[in-house]
Amino acid sequence: MTKRELIEPTPGDKRYVRRDEKGRFKEVDDVGRSLSQDRKRHAKNDAGPGQGDRGDRKH
């Protein structure tokens, strides 16, 4: 599983992306939507560094 990285293709448009083995985008999520969905749901699994969208993060 690859880490997600934060990119900003245009000023003010931030996105989380995951890349496949060849470096192409595999998954793209808008930061605002991603963070709002994180607040709405309670995940059951711990997520490691760079995997914040895959479960709860330890605080």
N, C-alpha and C. Protein backbone atom coordinates (compact mmCIF):
# COMPACT_ATOMS: atom_id res chain seq x y z
N MET A 1 0.85 -1.16 0.00
CA MET A 1 0.00 0.00 0.00
C MET A 1 0.90 1.24 0.00
N THR A 2 0.68 2.13 -0.95
CA THR A 2 1.51 3.32 -1.05
C THR A 2 0.97 4.41 -0.14
N LYS A 3 1.86 5.31 0.28
CA LYS A 3 1.44 6.44 1.09
C LYS A 3 0.70 7.43 0.22
N ARG A 4 -0.21 8.16 0.80
CA ARG A 4 -0.85 9.22 0.04
C ARG A 4 0.01 10.47 0.16
N GLU A 5 0.03 11.26 -0.88
CA GLU A 5 0.81 12.48 -0.85
C GLU A 5 -0.11 13.65 -1.17
N LEU A 6 0.26 14.81 -0.69
CA LEU A 6 -0.52 16.02 -0.89
C LEU A 6 0.06 16.77 -2.08
N ILE A 7 -0.79 17.06 -3.07
CA ILE A 7 -0.35 17.86 -4.21
C ILE A 7 -1.26 19.08 -4.33
N GLU A 8 -0.77 20.12 -5.01
CA GLU A 8 -1.56 21.32 -5.26
C GLU A 8 -1.38 21.69 -6.73
N PRO A 9 -2.20 21.10 -7.63
CA PRO A 9 -2.02 21.33 -9.06
C PRO A 9 -2.22 22.79 -9.47
N THR A 10 -3.13 23.48 -8.82
CA THR A 10 -3.32 24.91 -9.00
C THR A 10 -3.45 25.54 -7.63
N PRO A 11 -3.08 26.80 -7.47
CA PRO A 11 -3.18 27.43 -6.15
C PRO A 11 -4.59 27.33 -5.57
N GLY A 12 -4.69 26.83 -4.34
CA GLY A 12 -5.97 26.70 -3.66
C GLY A 12 -6.69 25.39 -3.92
N ASP A 13 -6.12 24.52 -4.74
CA ASP A 13 -6.76 23.24 -5.07
C ASP A 13 -5.85 22.11 -4.59
N LYS A 14 -6.01 21.72 -3.32
CA LYS A 14 -5.16 20.67 -2.75
C LYS A 14 -5.86 19.33 -2.84
N ARG A 15 -5.08 18.30 -3.12
CA ARG A 15 -5.62 16.95 -3.27
C ARG A 15 -4.66 15.93 -2.66
N TYR A 16 -5.25 14.85 -2.11
CA TYR A 16 -4.47 13.70 -1.68
C TYR A 16 -4.47 12.71 -2.83
N VAL A 17 -3.30 12.17 -3.17
CA VAL A 17 -3.21 11.21 -4.27
C VAL A 17 -2.40 9.99 -3.83
N ARG A 18 -2.71 8.87 -4.44
CA ARG A 18 -1.90 7.65 -4.31
C ARG A 18 -1.45 7.29 -5.70
N ARG A 19 -0.25 6.76 -5.81
CA ARG A 19 0.30 6.40 -7.11
C ARG A 19 0.47 4.89 -7.21
N ASP A 20 0.41 4.37 -8.44
CA ASP A 20 0.65 2.94 -8.65
C ASP A 20 2.14 2.71 -8.83
N GLU A 21 2.52 1.50 -9.20
CA GLU A 21 3.92 1.13 -9.32
C GLU A 21 4.64 1.94 -10.40
N LYS A 22 3.91 2.40 -11.41
CA LYS A 22 4.51 3.15 -12.51
C LYS A 22 4.49 4.66 -12.27
N GLY A 23 4.00 5.10 -11.11
CA GLY A 23 3.97 6.52 -10.79
C GLY A 23 2.72 7.25 -11.25
N ARG A 24 1.78 6.52 -11.82
CA ARG A 24 0.52 7.14 -12.26
C ARG A 24 -0.44 7.27 -11.09
N PHE A 25 -1.36 8.23 -11.18
CA PHE A 25 -2.34 8.41 -10.12
C PHE A 25 -3.28 7.22 -10.08
N LYS A 26 -3.42 6.64 -8.89
CA LYS A 26 -4.31 5.50 -8.69
C LYS A 26 -5.60 5.96 -8.02
N GLU A 27 -5.47 6.91 -7.09
CA GLU A 27 -6.62 7.39 -6.32
C GLU A 27 -6.41 8.87 -6.05
N VAL A 28 -7.43 9.70 -6.26
CA VAL A 28 -7.34 11.14 -6.05
C VAL A 28 -8.54 11.59 -5.22
N ASP A 29 -8.28 12.33 -4.12
CA ASP A 29 -9.34 12.84 -3.25
C ASP A 29 -9.09 14.30 -2.95
N ASP A 30 -10.15 15.11 -3.01
CA ASP A 30 -10.08 16.51 -2.65
C ASP A 30 -9.89 16.61 -1.14
N VAL A 31 -9.00 17.49 -0.69
CA VAL A 31 -8.68 17.59 0.74
C VAL A 31 -9.91 17.98 1.56
N GLY A 32 -10.68 18.96 1.12
CA GLY A 32 -11.85 19.40 1.89
C GLY A 32 -12.86 18.29 2.08
N ARG A 33 -13.17 17.56 1.02
CA ARG A 33 -14.13 16.45 1.12
C ARG A 33 -13.56 15.34 1.99
N SER A 34 -12.28 15.06 1.86
CA SER A 34 -11.67 14.00 2.64
C SER A 34 -11.75 14.30 4.13
N LEU A 35 -11.42 15.52 4.53
CA LEU A 35 -11.44 15.88 5.94
C LEU A 35 -12.86 15.92 6.49
N SER A 36 -13.83 16.38 5.68
CA SER A 36 -15.21 16.43 6.17
C SER A 36 -15.76 15.02 6.36
N GLN A 37 -15.43 14.10 5.47
CA GLN A 37 -15.90 12.72 5.61
C GLN A 37 -15.23 12.05 6.81
N ASP A 38 -13.96 12.39 7.09
CA ASP A 38 -13.28 11.83 8.26
C ASP A 38 -14.00 12.21 9.54
N ARG A 39 -14.50 13.43 9.61
CA ARG A 39 -15.20 13.89 10.81
C ARG A 39 -16.54 13.19 10.99
N LYS A 40 -17.18 12.79 9.91
CA LYS A 40 -18.52 12.19 9.96
C LYS A 40 -18.50 10.72 10.36
N ARG A 41 -17.38 10.05 10.17
CA ARG A 41 -17.33 8.61 10.40
C ARG A 41 -16.35 8.27 11.51
N HIS A 42 -16.63 7.18 12.21
CA HIS A 42 -15.72 6.68 13.25
C HIS A 42 -15.15 5.36 12.75
N ALA A 43 -13.88 5.35 12.41
CA ALA A 43 -13.25 4.14 11.89
C ALA A 43 -12.89 3.20 13.04
N LYS A 44 -12.78 1.93 12.72
CA LYS A 44 -12.48 0.91 13.73
C LYS A 44 -11.01 0.52 13.75
N ASN A 45 -10.24 0.87 12.71
CA ASN A 45 -8.86 0.40 12.57
C ASN A 45 -7.87 1.54 12.73
N ASP A 46 -6.68 1.21 13.28
CA ASP A 46 -5.60 2.18 13.35
C ASP A 46 -4.93 2.27 11.99
N ALA A 47 -4.49 3.48 11.64
CA ALA A 47 -3.80 3.69 10.37
C ALA A 47 -2.39 4.17 10.66
N GLY A 48 -1.45 3.72 9.85
CA GLY A 48 -0.07 4.12 10.01
C GLY A 48 0.21 5.48 9.40
N PRO A 49 1.46 5.94 9.47
CA PRO A 49 1.83 7.21 8.89
C PRO A 49 1.57 7.23 7.38
N GLY A 50 0.96 8.29 6.89
CA GLY A 50 0.66 8.42 5.47
C GLY A 50 -0.57 7.66 5.04
N GLN A 51 -1.28 7.05 5.97
CA GLN A 51 -2.47 6.26 5.66
C GLN A 51 -3.69 6.77 6.42
N GLY A 52 -3.76 8.08 6.68
CA GLY A 52 -4.81 8.65 7.51
C GLY A 52 -6.21 8.41 7.02
N ASP A 53 -6.38 8.16 5.72
CA ASP A 53 -7.71 7.92 5.19
C ASP A 53 -8.12 6.46 5.31
N ARG A 54 -7.27 5.61 5.82
CA ARG A 54 -7.55 4.18 5.91
C ARG A 54 -7.99 3.74 7.30
N GLY A 55 -8.25 4.65 8.24
CA GLY A 55 -8.69 4.26 9.57
C GLY A 55 -8.38 5.35 10.57
N ASP A 56 -8.55 5.06 11.85
CA ASP A 56 -8.28 6.03 12.90
C ASP A 56 -6.78 6.29 13.02
N ARG A 57 -6.46 7.50 13.41
CA ARG A 57 -5.06 7.84 13.68
C ARG A 57 -4.87 7.91 15.18
N LYS A 58 -3.70 7.51 15.67
CA LYS A 58 -3.40 7.59 17.09
C LYS A 58 -3.08 9.03 17.43
N HIS A 59 -3.64 9.52 18.54
CA HIS A 59 -3.41 10.92 18.95
C HIS A 59 -2.60 10.97 20.20
